Amino acid sequence: MQPRFRQDLDCVREEDQGVVFYRVDDVENQSSFRIYEIEYIIAQKLDGKRSLQEIIDEIKAEYEFEIQTHDLEKFIKQLESRKCLAAAEGDGVATVAEDITEGDDGNADANGTPEVKEASDEEVNP
């Protein structure tokens, strides 16, 4: 099963000191948090159909942004912990375990490409 970002979440674009964020409001779970623009773009590609490698390839081709498999897996786990992934039809709970265990290609980035990470509380609330 491929991870799928919930479509019922309210995502609002915000800008703070030239940095674009998306505020993600989850009415169902009464929570709200912010993610960077590239994280939002990646989340939108989590449609339950694309493999992680397809998403990585698309992000690189479309945005010239390098992301490694382990970084994407970590981001997906963060979304999962915030209950932002939808269950597939017939499943009770969304999980990324099957996709993650398909194997890491082991390609390390020698250029020190930054990890995709969630905005810290300090960045969100200066």
PDB file of N, CA and C in Angstrom:
ATOM      1  N   MET A   1       0.844  -1.185   0.000  1.00  0.00           N
ATOM      2  CA  MET A   1       0.000   0.000   0.000  1.00  0.00           C
ATOM      3  C   MET A   1       0.889   1.249   0.000  1.00  0.00           C
ATOM      4  N   GLN A   2       0.568   2.182  -0.849  1.00  0.00           N
ATOM      5  CA  GLN A   2       1.298   3.447  -0.906  1.00  0.00           C
ATOM      6  C   GLN A   2       0.599   4.463   0.016  1.00  0.00           C
ATOM      7  N   PRO A   3       1.364   5.327   0.675  1.00  0.00           N
ATOM      8  CA  PRO A   3       0.752   6.319   1.561  1.00  0.00           C
ATOM      9  C   PRO A   3      -0.076   7.335   0.781  1.00  0.00           C
ATOM     10  N   ARG A   4      -1.167   7.805   1.427  1.00  0.00           N
ATOM     11  CA  ARG A   4      -2.050   8.784   0.796  1.00  0.00           C
ATOM     12  C   ARG A   4      -2.342   9.909   1.791  1.00  0.00           C
ATOM     13  N   PHE A   5      -2.013  11.143   1.396  1.00  0.00           N
ATOM     14  CA  PHE A   5      -2.258  12.327   2.214  1.00  0.00           C
ATOM     15  C   PHE A   5      -3.757  12.591   2.248  1.00  0.00           C
ATOM     16  N   ARG A   6      -4.287  12.845   3.428  1.00  0.00           N
ATOM     17  CA  ARG A   6      -5.719  13.084   3.586  1.00  0.00           C
ATOM     18  C   ARG A   6      -6.156  14.339   2.837  1.00  0.00           C
ATOM     19  N   GLN A   7      -7.206  14.226   2.063  1.00  0.00           N
ATOM     20  CA  GLN A   7      -7.713  15.340   1.274  1.00  0.00           C
ATOM     21  C   GLN A   7      -8.670  16.233   2.051  1.00  0.00           C
ATOM     22  N   ASP A   8      -9.076  15.810   3.240  1.00  0.00           N
ATOM     23  CA  ASP A   8     -10.006  16.621   4.031  1.00  0.00           C
ATOM     24  C   ASP A   8      -9.284  17.630   4.927  1.00  0.00           C
ATOM     25  N   LEU A   9      -7.960  17.642   4.904  1.00  0.00           N
ATOM     26  CA  LEU A   9      -7.202  18.594   5.716  1.00  0.00           C
ATOM     27  C   LEU A   9      -7.260  19.970   5.061  1.00  0.00           C
ATOM     28  N   ASP A  10      -7.366  21.001   5.885  1.00  0.00           N
ATOM     29  CA  ASP A  10      -7.396  22.371   5.385  1.00  0.00           C
ATOM     30  C   ASP A  10      -5.960  22.891   5.369  1.00  0.00           C
ATOM     31  N   CYS A  11      -5.421  23.136   4.173  1.00  0.00           N
ATOM     32  CA  CYS A  11      -4.037  23.582   4.021  1.00  0.00           C
ATOM     33  C   CYS A  11      -4.039  25.012   3.492  1.00  0.00           C
ATOM     34  N   VAL A  12      -3.482  25.918   4.283  1.00  0.00           N
ATOM     35  CA  VAL A  12      -3.488  27.333   3.932  1.00  0.00           C
ATOM     36  C   VAL A  12      -2.053  27.820   3.777  1.00  0.00           C
ATOM     37  N   ARG A  13      -1.789  28.466   2.649  1.00  0.00           N
ATOM     38  CA  ARG A  13      -0.449  29.001   2.364  1.00  0.00           C
ATOM     39  C   ARG A  13      -0.213  30.251   3.215  1.00  0.00           C
ATOM     40  N   GLU A  14       0.957  30.299   3.843  1.00  0.00           N
ATOM     41  CA  GLU A  14       1.361  31.445   4.651  1.00  0.00           C
ATOM     42  C   GLU A  14       2.803  31.796   4.314  1.00  0.00           C
ATOM     43  N   GLU A  15       3.170  33.038   4.527  1.00  0.00           N
ATOM     44  CA  GLU A  15       4.548  33.464   4.312  1.00  0.00           C
ATOM     45  C   GLU A  15       5.013  34.228   5.541  1.00  0.00           C
ATOM     46  N   ASP A  16       6.204  33.906   6.002  1.00  0.00           N
ATOM     47  CA  ASP A  16       6.777  34.554   7.172  1.00  0.00           C
ATOM     48  C   ASP A  16       8.239  34.863   6.876  1.00  0.00           C
ATOM     49  N   GLN A  17       8.577  36.127   6.802  1.00  0.00           N
ATOM     50  CA  GLN A  17       9.938  36.588   6.524  1.00  0.00           C
ATOM     51  C   GLN A  17      10.494  35.952   5.250  1.00  0.00           C
ATOM     52  N   GLY A  18       9.658  35.898   4.222  1.00  0.00           N
ATOM     53  CA  GLY A  18      10.083  35.376   2.930  1.00  0.00           C
ATOM     54  C   GLY A  18      10.074  33.869   2.800  1.00  0.00           C
ATOM     55  N   VAL A  19       9.700  33.150   3.850  1.00  0.00           N
ATOM     56  CA  VAL A  19       9.649  31.686   3.821  1.00  0.00           C
ATOM     57  C   VAL A  19       8.187  31.259   3.705  1.00  0.00           C
ATOM     58  N   VAL A  20       7.912  30.406   2.729  1.00  0.00           N
ATOM     59  CA  VAL A  20       6.549  29.926   2.511  1.00  0.00           C
ATOM     60  C   VAL A  20       6.307  28.661   3.327  1.00  0.00           C
ATOM     61  N   PHE A  21       5.212  28.690   4.066  1.00  0.00           N
ATOM     62  CA  PHE A  21       4.757  27.555   4.869  1.00  0.00           C
ATOM     63  C   PHE A  21       3.333  27.232   4.461  1.00  0.00           C
ATOM     64  N   TYR A  22       2.887  26.066   4.858  1.00  0.00           N
ATOM     65  CA  TYR A  22       1.468  25.735   4.766  1.00  0.00           C
ATOM     66  C   TYR A  22       1.011  25.360   6.159  1.00  0.00           C
ATOM     67  N   ARG A  23      -0.051  26.018   6.617  1.00  0.00           N
ATOM     68  CA  ARG A  23      -0.668  25.649   7.886  1.00  0.00           C
ATOM     69  C   ARG A  23      -1.667  24.549   7.575  1.00  0.00           C
ATOM     70  N   VAL A  24      -1.513  23.422   8.240  1.00  0.00           N
ATOM     71  CA  VAL A  24      -2.377  22.272   8.038  1.00  0.00           C
ATOM     72  C   VAL A  24      -3.283  22.160   9.253  1.00  0.00           C
ATOM     73  N   ASP A  25      -4.573  22.335   9.011  1.00  0.00           N
ATOM     74  CA  ASP A  25      -5.568  22.240  10.077  1.00  0.00           C
ATOM     75  C   ASP A  25      -6.349  20.947   9.916  1.00  0.00           C
ATOM     76  N   ASP A  26      -6.393  20.184  10.989  1.00  0.00           N
ATOM     77  CA  ASP A  26      -7.116  18.919  11.016  1.00  0.00           C
ATOM     78  C   ASP A  26      -8.288  19.073  11.972  1.00  0.00           C
ATOM     79  N   VAL A  27      -9.462  19.369  11.422  1.00  0.00           N
ATOM     80  CA  VAL A  27     -10.654  19.591  12.235  1.00  0.00           C
ATOM     81  C   VAL A  27     -11.023  18.322  12.987  1.00  0.00           C
ATOM     82  N   GLU A  28     -10.897  17.185  12.316  1.00  0.00           N
ATOM     83  CA  GLU A  28     -11.268  15.903  12.914  1.00  0.00           C
ATOM     84  C   GLU A  28     -10.490  15.623  14.194  1.00  0.00           C
ATOM     85  N   ASN A  29      -9.185  15.904  14.181  1.00  0.00           N
ATOM     86  CA  ASN A  29      -8.333  15.637  15.346  1.00  0.00           C
ATOM     87  C   ASN A  29      -8.015  16.900  16.147  1.00  0.00           C
ATOM     88  N   GLN A  30      -8.623  18.001  15.780  1.00  0.00           N
ATOM     89  CA  GLN A  30      -8.442  19.287  16.461  1.00  0.00           C
ATOM     90  C   GLN A  30      -6.965  19.625  16.632  1.00  0.00           C
ATOM     91  N   SER A  31      -6.227  19.569  15.516  1.00  0.00           N
ATOM     92  CA  SER A  31      -4.814  19.908  15.567  1.00  0.00           C
ATOM     93  C   SER A  31      -4.454  20.797  14.389  1.00  0.00           C
ATOM     94  N   SER A  32      -3.338  21.490  14.549  1.00  0.00           N
ATOM     95  CA  SER A  32      -2.840  22.375  13.508  1.00  0.00           C
ATOM     96  C   SER A  32      -1.326  22.405  13.597  1.00  0.00           C
ATOM     97  N   PHE A  33      -0.670  22.438  12.441  1.00  0.00           N
ATOM     98  CA  PHE A  33       0.785  22.532  12.413  1.00  0.00           C
ATOM     99  C   PHE A  33       1.189  23.142  11.085  1.00  0.00           C
ATOM    100  N   ARG A  34       2.453  23.499  10.967  1.00  0.00           N
ATOM    101  CA  ARG A  34       2.966  24.101   9.743  1.00  0.00           C
ATOM    102  C   ARG A  34       4.042  23.215   9.138  1.00  0.00           C
ATOM    103  N   ILE A  35       4.055  23.204   7.800  1.00  0.00           N
ATOM    104  CA  ILE A  35       5.099  22.503   7.069  1.00  0.00           C
ATOM    105  C   ILE A  35       5.655  23.447   6.007  1.00  0.00           C
ATOM    106  N   TYR A  36       6.896  23.186   5.613  1.00  0.00           N
ATOM    107  CA  TYR A  36       7.507  23.985   4.558  1.00  0.00           C
ATOM    108  C   TYR A  36       6.800  23.725   3.232  1.00  0.00           C
ATOM    109  N   GLU A  37       6.961  24.653   2.286  1.00  0.00           N
ATOM    110  CA  GLU A  37       6.315  24.526   0.987  1.00  0.00           C
ATOM    111  C   GLU A  37       6.697  23.222   0.280  1.00  0.00           C
ATOM    112  N   ILE A  38       7.961  22.853   0.269  1.00  0.00           N
ATOM    113  CA  ILE A  38       8.378  21.624  -0.409  1.00  0.00           C
ATOM    114  C   ILE A  38       7.753  20.401   0.257  1.00  0.00           C
ATOM    115  N   GLU A  39       7.563  20.449   1.563  1.00  0.00           N
ATOM    116  CA  GLU A  39       6.906  19.344   2.258  1.00  0.00           C
ATOM    117  C   GLU A  39       5.445  19.240   1.819  1.00  0.00           C
ATOM    118  N   TYR A  40       4.803  20.385   1.654  1.00  0.00           N
ATOM    119  CA  TYR A  40       3.418  20.395   1.184  1.00  0.00           C
ATOM    120  C   TYR A  40       3.328  19.794  -0.215  1.00  0.00           C
ATOM    121  N   ILE A  41       4.249  20.186  -1.080  1.00  0.00           N
ATOM    122  CA  ILE A  41       4.275  19.665  -2.450  1.00  0.00           C
ATOM    123  C   ILE A  41       4.455  18.147  -2.428  1.00  0.00           C
ATOM    124  N   ILE A  42       5.353  17.686  -1.589  1.00  0.00           N
ATOM    125  CA  ILE A  42       5.577  16.242  -1.459  1.00  0.00           C
ATOM    126  C   ILE A  42       4.312  15.562  -0.931  1.00  0.00           C
ATOM    127  N   ALA A  43       3.699  16.141   0.091  1.00  0.00           N
ATOM    128  CA  ALA A  43       2.484  15.558   0.678  1.00  0.00           C
ATOM    129  C   ALA A  43       1.388  15.425  -0.373  1.00  0.00           C
ATOM    130  N   GLN A  44       1.256  16.422  -1.244  1.00  0.00           N
ATOM    131  CA  GLN A  44       0.240  16.366  -2.293  1.00  0.00           C
ATOM    132  C   GLN A  44       0.505  15.233  -3.288  1.00  0.00           C
ATOM    133  N   LYS A  45       1.738  14.824  -3.421  1.00  0.00           N
ATOM    134  CA  LYS A  45       2.085  13.722  -4.320  1.00  0.00           C
ATOM    135  C   LYS A  45       1.820  12.356  -3.678  1.00  0.00           C
ATOM    136  N   LEU A  46       1.566  12.337  -2.384  1.00  0.00           N
ATOM    137  CA  LEU A  46       1.222  11.092  -1.693  1.00  0.00           C
ATOM    138  C   LEU A  46      -0.245  10.787  -1.980  1.00  0.00           C
ATOM    139  N   ASP A  47      -0.496  10.186  -3.129  1.00  0.00           N
ATOM    140  CA  ASP A  47      -1.863   9.963  -3.597  1.00  0.00           C
ATOM    141  C   ASP A  47      -2.319   8.510  -3.468  1.00  0.00           C
ATOM    142  N   GLY A  48      -1.488   7.677  -2.858  1.00  0.00           N
ATOM    143  CA  GLY A  48      -1.842   6.270  -2.701  1.00  0.00           C
ATOM    144  C   GLY A  48      -1.519   5.436  -3.926  1.00  0.00           C
ATOM    145  N   LYS A  49      -1.054   6.088  -4.996  1.00  0.00           N
ATOM    146  CA  LYS A  49      -0.744   5.384  -6.240  1.00  0.00           C
ATOM    147  C   LYS A  49       0.739   5.415  -6.563  1.00  0.00           C
ATOM    148  N   ARG A  50       1.391   6.548  -6.326  1.00  0.00           N
ATOM    149  CA  ARG A  50       2.810   6.692  -6.650  1.00  0.00           C
ATOM    150  C   ARG A  50       3.676   5.972  -5.618  1.00  0.00           C
ATOM    151  N   SER A  51       4.746   5.360  -6.096  1.00  0.00           N
ATOM    152  CA  SER A  51       5.723   4.765  -5.185  1.00  0.00           C
ATOM    153  C   SER A  51       6.600   5.879  -4.623  1.00  0.00           C
ATOM    154  N   LEU A  52       7.328   5.573  -3.569  1.00  0.00           N
ATOM    155  CA  LEU A  52       8.237   6.572  -3.005  1.00  0.00           C
ATOM    156  C   LEU A  52       9.277   6.993  -4.034  1.00  0.00           C
ATOM    157  N   GLN A  53       9.780   6.036  -4.808  1.00  0.00           N
ATOM    158  CA  GLN A  53      10.787   6.370  -5.811  1.00  0.00           C
ATOM    159  C   GLN A  53      10.209   7.279  -6.891  1.00  0.00           C
ATOM    160  N   GLU A  54       8.966   7.047  -7.272  1.00  0.00           N
ATOM    161  CA  GLU A  54       8.322   7.926  -8.265  1.00  0.00           C
ATOM    162  C   GLU A  54       8.215   9.353  -7.726  1.00  0.00           C
ATOM    163  N   ILE A  55       7.866   9.483  -6.460  1.00  0.00           N
ATOM    164  CA  ILE A  55       7.752  10.806  -5.844  1.00  0.00           C
ATOM    165  C   ILE A  55       9.117  11.484  -5.806  1.00  0.00           C
ATOM    166  N   ILE A  56      10.129  10.752  -5.390  1.00  0.00           N
ATOM    167  CA  ILE A  56      11.491  11.296  -5.343  1.00  0.00           C
ATOM    168  C   ILE A  56      11.916  11.773  -6.731  1.00  0.00           C
ATOM    169  N   ASP A  57      11.675  10.961  -7.736  1.00  0.00           N
ATOM    170  CA  ASP A  57      12.058  11.316  -9.106  1.00  0.00           C
ATOM    171  C   ASP A  57      11.299  12.551  -9.592  1.00  0.00           C
ATOM    172  N   GLU A  58      10.007  12.632  -9.289  1.00  0.00           N
ATOM    173  CA  GLU A  58       9.197  13.787  -9.717  1.00  0.00           C
ATOM    174  C   GLU A  58       9.665  15.070  -9.036  1.00  0.00           C
ATOM    175  N   ILE A  59       9.939  14.997  -7.740  1.00  0.00           N
ATOM    176  CA  ILE A  59      10.385  16.179  -7.003  1.00  0.00           C
ATOM    177  C   ILE A  59      11.718  16.669  -7.561  1.00  0.00           C
ATOM    178  N   LYS A  60      12.607  15.753  -7.852  1.00  0.00           N
ATOM    179  CA  LYS A  60      13.903  16.129  -8.412  1.00  0.00           C
ATOM    180  C   LYS A  60      13.731  16.771  -9.791  1.00  0.00           C
ATOM    181  N   ALA A  61      12.913  16.165 -10.637  1.00  0.00           N
ATOM    182  CA  ALA A  61      12.724  16.670 -12.004  1.00  0.00           C
ATOM    183  C   ALA A  61      11.977  18.001 -12.030  1.00  0.00           C
ATOM    184  N   GLU A  62      10.943  18.125 -11.218  1.00  0.00           N
ATOM    185  CA  GLU A  62      10.084  19.309 -11.265  1.00  0.00           C
ATOM    186  C   GLU A  62      10.627  20.490 -10.468  1.00  0.00           C
ATOM    187  N   TYR A  63      11.341  20.211  -9.370  1.00  0.00           N
ATOM    188  CA  TYR A  63      11.753  21.281  -8.456  1.00  0.00           C
ATOM    189  C   TYR A  63      13.254  21.340  -8.223  1.00  0.00           C
ATOM    190  N   GLU A  64      13.995  20.420  -8.838  1.00  0.00           N
ATOM    191  CA  GLU A  64      15.444  20.348  -8.648  1.00  0.00           C
ATOM    192  C   GLU A  64      15.795  20.286  -7.161  1.00  0.00           C
ATOM    193  N   PHE A  65      15.007  19.536  -6.421  1.00  0.00           N
ATOM    194  CA  PHE A  65      15.196  19.352  -4.989  1.00  0.00           C
ATOM    195  C   PHE A  65      15.585  17.900  -4.754  1.00  0.00           C
ATOM    196  N   GLU A  66      16.728  17.688  -4.134  1.00  0.00           N
ATOM    197  CA  GLU A  66      17.218  16.337  -3.850  1.00  0.00           C
ATOM    198  C   GLU A  66      16.625  15.849  -2.531  1.00  0.00           C
ATOM    199  N   ILE A  67      16.029  14.694  -2.575  1.00  0.00           N
ATOM    200  CA  ILE A  67      15.530  14.052  -1.361  1.00  0.00           C
ATOM    201  C   ILE A  67      15.874  12.571  -1.456  1.00  0.00           C
ATOM    202  N   GLN A  68      16.328  12.028  -0.366  1.00  0.00           N
ATOM    203  CA  GLN A  68      16.710  10.619  -0.299  1.00  0.00           C
ATOM    204  C   GLN A  68      15.540   9.802   0.235  1.00  0.00           C
ATOM    205  N   THR A  69      15.542   8.523  -0.053  1.00  0.00           N
ATOM    206  CA  THR A  69      14.469   7.629   0.370  1.00  0.00           C
ATOM    207  C   THR A  69      14.262   7.684   1.878  1.00  0.00           C
ATOM    208  N   HIS A  70      15.343   7.637   2.654  1.00  0.00           N
ATOM    209  CA  HIS A  70      15.193   7.632   4.114  1.00  0.00           C
ATOM    210  C   HIS A  70      14.598   8.947   4.622  1.00  0.00           C
ATOM    211  N   ASP A  71      14.875  10.053   3.945  1.00  0.00           N
ATOM    212  CA  ASP A  71      14.289  11.336   4.351  1.00  0.00           C
ATOM    213  C   ASP A  71      12.790  11.363   4.062  1.00  0.00           C
ATOM    214  N   LEU A  72      12.399  10.829   2.917  1.00  0.00           N
ATOM    215  CA  LEU A  72      10.981  10.765   2.575  1.00  0.00           C
ATOM    216  C   LEU A  72      10.244   9.836   3.535  1.00  0.00           C
ATOM    217  N   GLU A  73      10.863   8.709   3.865  1.00  0.00           N
ATOM    218  CA  GLU A  73      10.259   7.786   4.825  1.00  0.00           C
ATOM    219  C   GLU A  73      10.054   8.466   6.175  1.00  0.00           C
ATOM    220  N   LYS A  74      11.033   9.235   6.607  1.00  0.00           N
ATOM    221  CA  LYS A  74      10.935   9.944   7.889  1.00  0.00           C
ATOM    222  C   LYS A  74       9.792  10.961   7.854  1.00  0.00           C
ATOM    223  N   PHE A  75       9.677  11.697   6.749  1.00  0.00           N
ATOM    224  CA  PHE A  75       8.595  12.671   6.602  1.00  0.00           C
ATOM    225  C   PHE A  75       7.232  11.977   6.614  1.00  0.00           C
ATOM    226  N   ILE A  76       7.129  10.845   5.933  1.00  0.00           N
ATOM    227  CA  ILE A  76       5.870  10.099   5.908  1.00  0.00           C
ATOM    228  C   ILE A  76       5.509   9.620   7.309  1.00  0.00           C
ATOM    229  N   LYS A  77       6.496   9.167   8.059  1.00  0.00           N
ATOM    230  CA  LYS A  77       6.232   8.745   9.442  1.00  0.00           C
ATOM    231  C   LYS A  77       5.736   9.920  10.285  1.00  0.00           C
ATOM    232  N   GLN A  78       6.279  11.121  10.043  1.00  0.00           N
ATOM    233  CA  GLN A  78       5.805  12.314  10.756  1.00  0.00           C
ATOM    234  C   GLN A  78       4.347  12.595  10.405  1.00  0.00           C
ATOM    235  N   LEU A  79       4.023  12.506   9.120  1.00  0.00           N
ATOM    236  CA  LEU A  79       2.630  12.713   8.708  1.00  0.00           C
ATOM    237  C   LEU A  79       1.726  11.649   9.320  1.00  0.00           C
ATOM    238  N   GLU A  80       2.210  10.430   9.352  1.00  0.00           N
ATOM    239  CA  GLU A  80       1.438   9.336   9.938  1.00  0.00           C
ATOM    240  C   GLU A  80       1.192   9.584  11.426  1.00  0.00           C
ATOM    241  N   SER A  81       2.210  10.041  12.148  1.00  0.00           N
ATOM    242  CA  SER A  81       2.054  10.296  13.584  1.00  0.00           C
ATOM    243  C   SER A  81       1.074  11.441  13.852  1.00  0.00           C
ATOM    244  N   ARG A  82       0.924  12.329  12.885  1.00  0.00           N
ATOM    245  CA  ARG A  82      -0.034  13.444  13.008  1.00  0.00           C
ATOM    246  C   ARG A  82      -1.398  13.090  12.422  1.00  0.00           C
ATOM    247  N   LYS A  83      -1.563  11.821  12.044  1.00  0.00           N
ATOM    248  CA  LYS A  83      -2.814  11.294  11.501  1.00  0.00           C
ATOM    249  C   LYS A  83      -3.223  12.014  10.217  1.00  0.00           C
ATOM    250  N   CYS A  84      -2.240  12.301   9.383  1.00  0.00           N
ATOM    251  CA  CYS A  84      -2.481  13.001   8.120  1.00  0.00           C
ATOM    252  C   CYS A  84      -2.543  12.070   6.922  1.00  0.00           C
ATOM    253  N   LEU A  85      -2.416  10.774   7.156  1.00  0.00           N
ATOM    254  CA  LEU A  85      -2.496   9.810   6.058  1.00  0.00           C
ATOM    255  C   LEU A  85      -3.833   9.096   6.126  1.00  0.00           C
ATOM    256  N   ALA A  86      -4.443   8.933   4.964  1.00  0.00           N
ATOM    257  CA  ALA A  86      -5.744   8.286   4.892  1.00  0.00           C
ATOM    258  C   ALA A  86      -5.573   6.782   4.784  1.00  0.00           C
ATOM    259  N   ALA A  87      -6.532   6.066   5.347  1.00  0.00           N
ATOM    260  CA  ALA A  87      -6.544   4.612   5.211  1.00  0.00           C
ATOM    261  C   ALA A  87      -7.020   4.269   3.812  1.00  0.00           C
ATOM    262  N   ALA A  88      -6.451   3.246   3.247  1.00  0.00           N
ATOM    263  CA  ALA A  88      -6.917   2.769   1.946  1.00  0.00           C
ATOM    264  C   ALA A  88      -8.280   2.127   2.144  1.00  0.00           C
ATOM    265  N   GLU A  89      -9.070   2.101   1.088  1.00  0.00           N
ATOM    266  CA  GLU A  89     -10.384   1.480   1.198  1.00  0.00           C
ATOM    267  C   GLU A  89     -10.237   0.043   1.661  1.00  0.00           C
ATOM    268  N   GLY A  90     -11.034  -0.313   2.676  1.00  0.00           N
ATOM    269  CA  GLY A  90     -10.983  -1.662   3.202  1.00  0.00           C
ATOM    270  C   GLY A  90      -9.992  -1.832   4.340  1.00  0.00           C
ATOM    271  N   ASP A  91      -9.072  -0.856   4.527  1.00  0.00           N
ATOM    272  CA  ASP A  91      -8.099  -0.924   5.606  1.00  0.00           C
ATOM    273  C   ASP A  91      -8.581  -0.079   6.769  1.00  0.00           C
ATOM    274  N   GLY A  92      -8.216  -0.477   7.968  1.00  0.00           N
ATOM    275  CA  GLY A  92      -8.581   0.295   9.138  1.00  0.00           C
ATOM    276  C   GLY A  92      -7.604   1.416   9.424  1.00  0.00           C
ATOM    277  N   VAL A  93      -6.338   1.197   9.131  1.00  0.00           N
ATOM    278  CA  VAL A  93      -5.309   2.163   9.484  1.00  0.00           C
ATOM    279  C   VAL A  93      -4.330   2.310   8.329  1.00  0.00           C
ATOM    280  N   ALA A  94      -3.936   3.549   8.059  1.00  0.00           N
ATOM    281  CA  ALA A  94      -2.922   3.785   7.031  1.00  0.00           C
ATOM    282  C   ALA A  94      -1.554   3.459   7.606  1.00  0.00           C
ATOM    283  N   THR A  95      -0.714   2.848   6.797  1.00  0.00           N
ATOM    284  CA  THR A  95       0.636   2.543   7.244  1.00  0.00           C
ATOM    285  C   THR A  95       1.595   2.638   6.074  1.00  0.00           C
ATOM    286  N   VAL A  96       2.838   2.933   6.378  1.00  0.00           N
ATOM    287  CA  VAL A  96       3.845   3.018   5.332  1.00  0.00           C
ATOM    288  C   VAL A  96       4.811   1.849   5.402  1.00  0.00           C
ATOM    289  N   ALA A  97       4.568   0.907   6.297  1.00  0.00           N
ATOM    290  CA  ALA A  97       5.520  -0.175   6.528  1.00  0.00           C
ATOM    291  C   ALA A  97       5.822  -0.972   5.261  1.00  0.00           C
ATOM    292  N   GLU A  98       4.794  -1.302   4.473  1.00  0.00           N
ATOM    293  CA  GLU A  98       5.023  -2.098   3.273  1.00  0.00           C
ATOM    294  C   GLU A  98       5.913  -1.355   2.294  1.00  0.00           C
ATOM    295  N   ASP A  99       5.655  -0.058   2.109  1.00  0.00           N
ATOM    296  CA  ASP A  99       6.419   0.720   1.146  1.00  0.00           C
ATOM    297  C   ASP A  99       7.852   0.909   1.612  1.00  0.00           C
ATOM    298  N   ILE A 100       8.044   1.122   2.880  1.00  0.00           N
ATOM    299  CA  ILE A 100       9.385   1.356   3.419  1.00  0.00           C
ATOM    300  C   ILE A 100      10.232   0.095   3.311  1.00  0.00           C
ATOM    301  N   THR A 101       9.619  -1.064   3.505  1.00  0.00           N
ATOM    302  CA  THR A 101      10.400  -2.292   3.477  1.00  0.00           C
ATOM    303  C   THR A 101      10.715  -2.755   2.065  1.00  0.00           C
ATOM    304  N   GLU A 102      10.217  -2.032   1.050  1.00  0.00           N
ATOM    305  CA  GLU A 102      10.567  -2.409  -0.315  1.00  0.00           C
ATOM    306  C   GLU A 102      12.050  -2.241  -0.572  1.00  0.00           C
ATOM    307  N   GLY A 103      12.714  -1.496   0.293  1.00  0.00           N
ATOM    308  CA  GLY A 103      14.161  -1.391   0.175  1.00  0.00           C
ATOM    309  C   GLY A 103      14.623   0.014  -0.112  1.00  0.00           C
ATOM    310  N   ASP A 104      15.694   0.382   0.543  1.00  0.00           N
ATOM    311  CA  ASP A 104      16.343   1.664   0.331  1.00  0.00           C
ATOM    312  C   ASP A 104      17.381   1.463  -0.750  1.00  0.00           C
ATOM    313  N   ASP A 105      17.432   2.379  -1.685  1.00  0.00           N
ATOM    314  CA  ASP A 105      18.386   2.209  -2.772  1.00  0.00           C
ATOM    315  C   ASP A 105      19.819   2.449  -2.323  1.00  0.00           C
ATOM    316  N   GLY A 106      19.994   2.959  -1.106  1.00  0.00           N
ATOM    317  CA  GLY A 106      21.314   3.109  -0.535  1.00  0.00           C
ATOM    318  C   GLY A 106      22.129   4.243  -1.115  1.00  0.00           C
ATOM    319  N   ASN A 107      21.551   5.062  -1.965  1.00  0.00           N
ATOM    320  CA  ASN A 107      22.282   6.177  -2.555  1.00  0.00           C
ATOM    321  C   ASN A 107      22.427   7.302  -1.548  1.00  0.00           C
ATOM    322  N   ALA A 108      23.636   7.565  -1.162  1.00  0.00           N
ATOM    323  CA  ALA A 108      23.905   8.669  -0.252  1.00  0.00           C
ATOM    324  C   ALA A 108      24.256   9.891  -1.085  1.00  0.00           C
ATOM    325  N   ASP A 109      23.849  11.047  -0.602  1.00  0.00           N
ATOM    326  CA  ASP A 109      24.137  12.270  -1.329  1.00  0.00           C
ATOM    327  C   ASP A 109      25.436  12.861  -0.812  1.00  0.00           C
ATOM    328  N   ALA A 110      26.445  12.874  -1.660  1.00  0.00           N
ATOM    329  CA  ALA A 110      27.759  13.388  -1.270  1.00  0.00           C
ATOM    330  C   ALA A 110      27.773  14.906  -1.190  1.00  0.00           C
ATOM    331  N   ASN A 111      26.714  15.537  -1.681  1.00  0.00           N
ATOM    332  CA  ASN A 111      26.659  17.002  -1.660  1.00  0.00           C
ATOM    333  C   ASN A 111      26.046  17.552  -0.392  1.00  0.00           C
ATOM    334  N   GLY A 112      25.679  16.679   0.523  1.00  0.00           N
ATOM    335  CA  GLY A 112      25.100  17.148   1.783  1.00  0.00           C
ATOM    336  C   GLY A 112      23.720  17.758   1.602  1.00  0.00           C
ATOM    337  N   THR A 113      22.911  17.158   0.749  1.00  0.00           N
ATOM    338  CA  THR A 113      21.564  17.654   0.501  1.00  0.00           C
ATOM    339  C   THR A 113      20.792  17.699   1.811  1.00  0.00           C
ATOM    340  N   PRO A 114      20.073  18.793   2.073  1.00  0.00           N
ATOM    341  CA  PRO A 114      19.348  18.915   3.336  1.00  0.00           C
ATOM    342  C   PRO A 114      18.189  17.934   3.413  1.00  0.00           C
ATOM    343  N   GLU A 115      17.915  17.476   4.632  1.00  0.00           N
ATOM    344  CA  GLU A 115      16.787  16.587   4.855  1.00  0.00           C
ATOM    345  C   GLU A 115      15.506  17.395   4.789  1.00  0.00           C
ATOM    346  N   VAL A 116      14.435  16.748   4.364  1.00  0.00           N
ATOM    347  CA  VAL A 116      13.123  17.359   4.497  1.00  0.00           C
ATOM    348  C   VAL A 116      12.776  17.243   5.964  1.00  0.00           C
ATOM    349  N   LYS A 117      12.462  18.358   6.600  1.00  0.00           N
ATOM    350  CA  LYS A 117      12.139  18.297   8.021  1.00  0.00           C
ATOM    351  C   LYS A 117      10.975  19.212   8.321  1.00  0.00           C
ATOM    352  N   GLU A 118      10.326  18.898   9.392  1.00  0.00           N
ATOM    353  CA  GLU A 118       9.195  19.690   9.834  1.00  0.00           C
ATOM    354  C   GLU A 118       9.712  20.953  10.501  1.00  0.00           C
ATOM    355  N   ALA A 119       8.984  22.041  10.343  1.00  0.00           N
ATOM    356  CA  ALA A 119       9.371  23.297  10.975  1.00  0.00           C
ATOM    357  C   ALA A 119       9.354  23.120  12.492  1.00  0.00           C
ATOM    358  N   SER A 120      10.369  23.625  13.157  1.00  0.00           N
ATOM    359  CA  SER A 120      10.438  23.518  14.611  1.00  0.00           C
ATOM    360  C   SER A 120       9.508  24.536  15.249  1.00  0.00           C
ATOM    361  N   ASP A 121       9.230  24.370  16.541  1.00  0.00           N
ATOM    362  CA  ASP A 121       8.401  25.324  17.266  1.00  0.00           C
ATOM    363  C   ASP A 121       9.014  26.724  17.223  1.00  0.00           C
ATOM    364  N   GLU A 122      10.331  26.794  17.267  1.00  0.00           N
ATOM    365  CA  GLU A 122      10.994  28.095  17.233  1.00  0.00           C
ATOM    366  C   GLU A 122      10.772  28.787  15.889  1.00  0.00           C
ATOM    367  N   GLU A 123      10.766  27.995  14.808  1.00  0.00           N
ATOM    368  CA  GLU A 123      10.539  28.566  13.490  1.00  0.00           C
ATOM    369  C   GLU A 123       9.086  28.975  13.317  1.00  0.00           C
ATOM    370  N   VAL A 124       8.180  28.203  13.892  1.00  0.00           N
ATOM    371  CA  VAL A 124       6.762  28.475  13.777  1.00  0.00           C
ATOM    372  C   VAL A 124       6.334  29.621  14.678  1.00  0.00           C
ATOM    373  N   ASN A 125       6.884  29.664  15.886  1.00  0.00           N
ATOM    374  CA  ASN A 125       6.527  30.685  16.871  1.00  0.00           C
ATOM    375  C   ASN A 125       7.773  31.457  17.300  1.00  0.00           C
ATOM    376  N   PRO A 126       8.239  32.392  16.445  1.00  0.00           N
ATOM    377  CA  PRO A 126       9.490  33.098  16.775  1.00  0.00           C
ATOM    378  C   PRO A 126       9.379  33.956  18.014  1.00  0.00           C
TER     379      PRO A 126
END
